[in-house]
Amino acid sequence: QVQLVESGGGLVQAGGSLRLACTASRTIFSISTMGWYRQAPGKQRELVAAVTPRDSTNYADSVKGRFTISRDNAKNTVYLQMNSLKPEDTAVYYCNARGFWEYWGQGTQVTVSS
């Protein structure tokens, strides 16, 4: 079993920044596609950003140019740098590790006030 532990969520004003981190408990991290998803109240969970083992990235249109995903395989950690935050970014953010397997973190709350 792989554990994904997220950190870095919180309350921030619109226009501010936060950095989320997710650390995996096992070395499958380096061969997993790592992603960040979010789920706002009453909405479906959606992909925010993902990075492959070869560092190819993709982003939701709504966050392009504002969010950056990166990974540090030596630390088994993936980051999501979130800049120019908007109230509509408010959600629970989940870390995901995927290969022939799939694991989820417990989620971290991000709240952006207007």
Protein backbone atom coordinates (compact mmCIF):
# COMPACT_ATOMS: atom_id res chain seq x y z
CA GLN A 1 0.00 0.00 0.00
CA VAL A 2 1.23 3.47 -0.92
CA GLN A 3 0.45 6.47 1.22
CA LEU A 4 0.29 9.96 -0.25
CA VAL A 5 0.53 12.76 2.28
CA GLU A 6 -0.45 16.25 1.17
CA SER A 7 0.46 19.52 2.84
CA GLY A 8 0.37 23.24 2.13
CA GLY A 9 -3.32 24.01 1.91
CA GLY A 10 -4.91 26.91 3.73
CA LEU A 11 -6.71 30.22 3.47
CA VAL A 12 -5.40 32.92 1.17
CA GLN A 13 -6.76 36.13 -0.33
CA ALA A 14 -7.47 36.41 -4.02
CA GLY A 15 -4.28 37.14 -5.93
CA GLY A 16 -2.16 35.29 -3.41
CA SER A 17 -0.10 32.14 -3.69
CA LEU A 18 0.14 28.72 -2.09
CA ARG A 19 2.36 25.72 -2.69
CA LEU A 20 1.01 22.24 -2.18
CA ALA A 21 3.29 19.26 -1.61
CA CYS A 22 2.57 15.55 -1.76
CA THR A 23 5.03 12.95 -0.54
CA ALA A 24 4.71 9.27 -1.41
CA SER A 25 5.67 6.51 0.99
CA ARG A 26 7.23 4.19 -1.57
CA THR A 27 9.63 4.34 -4.46
CA ILE A 28 6.98 3.73 -7.12
CA PHE A 29 6.81 7.50 -7.12
CA SER A 30 9.52 7.79 -9.77
CA ILE A 31 7.56 5.59 -12.21
CA SER A 32 4.15 7.08 -11.51
CA THR A 33 2.32 9.85 -13.26
CA MET A 34 1.60 12.27 -10.45
CA GLY A 35 -1.40 14.51 -10.54
CA TRP A 36 -3.32 17.07 -8.58
CA TYR A 37 -7.11 16.99 -8.69
CA ARG A 38 -9.63 19.20 -6.96
CA GLN A 39 -13.23 18.97 -5.91
CA ALA A 40 -15.38 21.95 -5.03
CA PRO A 41 -18.66 21.57 -3.13
CA GLY A 42 -21.38 20.24 -5.40
CA LYS A 43 -18.97 19.64 -8.28
CA GLN A 44 -17.18 16.65 -9.72
CA ARG A 45 -13.53 16.02 -9.05
CA GLU A 46 -11.42 17.45 -11.86
CA LEU A 47 -7.82 17.20 -12.98
CA VAL A 48 -5.81 20.33 -12.23
CA ALA A 49 -2.36 19.28 -13.40
CA ALA A 50 -0.27 16.17 -13.98
CA VAL A 51 3.38 15.32 -14.57
CA THR A 52 4.64 12.09 -16.10
CA PRO A 53 7.80 10.22 -15.06
CA ARG A 54 9.55 11.98 -17.96
CA ASP A 55 8.40 15.41 -16.73
CA SER A 56 5.78 15.96 -19.40
CA THR A 57 3.06 18.15 -17.93
CA ASN A 58 -0.53 19.03 -18.67
CA TYR A 59 -2.88 21.52 -17.07
CA ALA A 60 -6.55 22.31 -16.93
CA ASP A 61 -7.32 25.35 -19.07
CA SER A 62 -8.56 27.20 -16.00
CA VAL A 63 -5.14 27.13 -14.32
CA LYS A 64 -2.75 27.47 -17.27
CA GLY A 65 -0.28 30.27 -16.69
CA ARG A 66 -1.07 30.42 -12.96
CA PHE A 67 -0.22 26.95 -11.61
CA THR A 68 2.97 24.95 -12.02
CA ILE A 69 3.40 21.27 -11.23
CA SER A 70 6.84 19.81 -10.57
CA ARG A 71 8.33 16.67 -9.10
CA ASP A 72 11.42 15.76 -7.09
CA ASN A 73 12.04 12.04 -7.49
CA ALA A 74 14.82 12.07 -4.90
CA LYS A 75 12.29 13.24 -2.30
CA ASN A 76 9.30 11.26 -3.65
CA THR A 77 7.47 14.58 -3.69
CA VAL A 78 5.29 16.42 -6.18
CA TYR A 79 4.52 20.10 -5.85
CA LEU A 80 1.80 22.40 -7.11
CA GLN A 81 2.73 26.07 -7.08
CA MET A 82 -0.45 28.13 -7.27
CA ASN A 83 -0.19 31.81 -8.10
CA SER A 84 -2.80 34.50 -8.79
CA LEU A 85 -5.36 32.48 -6.91
CA LYS A 86 -9.04 33.14 -7.50
CA PRO A 87 -12.09 32.40 -5.36
CA GLU A 88 -13.11 29.77 -7.91
CA ASP A 89 -9.94 27.85 -7.06
CA THR A 90 -11.47 27.05 -3.67
CA ALA A 91 -11.69 23.27 -3.33
CA VAL A 92 -10.24 20.22 -1.67
CA TYR A 93 -7.07 19.32 -3.57
CA TYR A 94 -6.09 15.67 -3.90
CA CYS A 95 -2.80 14.12 -4.87
CA ASN A 96 -2.90 11.13 -7.22
CA ALA A 97 -0.29 8.55 -8.22
CA ARG A 98 -1.04 6.44 -11.28
CA GLY A 99 0.62 3.70 -13.30
CA PHE A 100 -0.78 0.19 -13.42
CA TRP A 101 -1.99 1.23 -9.98
CA GLU A 102 -3.76 4.26 -8.59
CA TYR A 103 -3.50 5.87 -5.19
CA TRP A 104 -5.07 8.99 -3.68
CA GLY A 105 -4.12 11.27 -0.86
CA GLN A 106 -6.54 12.35 1.83
CA GLY A 107 -6.97 15.86 0.41
CA THR A 108 -6.05 19.32 1.59
CA GLN A 109 -8.40 22.30 1.71
CA VAL A 110 -7.60 25.43 -0.28
CA THR A 111 -9.81 28.43 0.37
CA VAL A 112 -9.43 31.66 -1.58
CA SER A 113 -11.28 34.66 -0.20
CA SER A 114 -12.42 37.55 -2.36
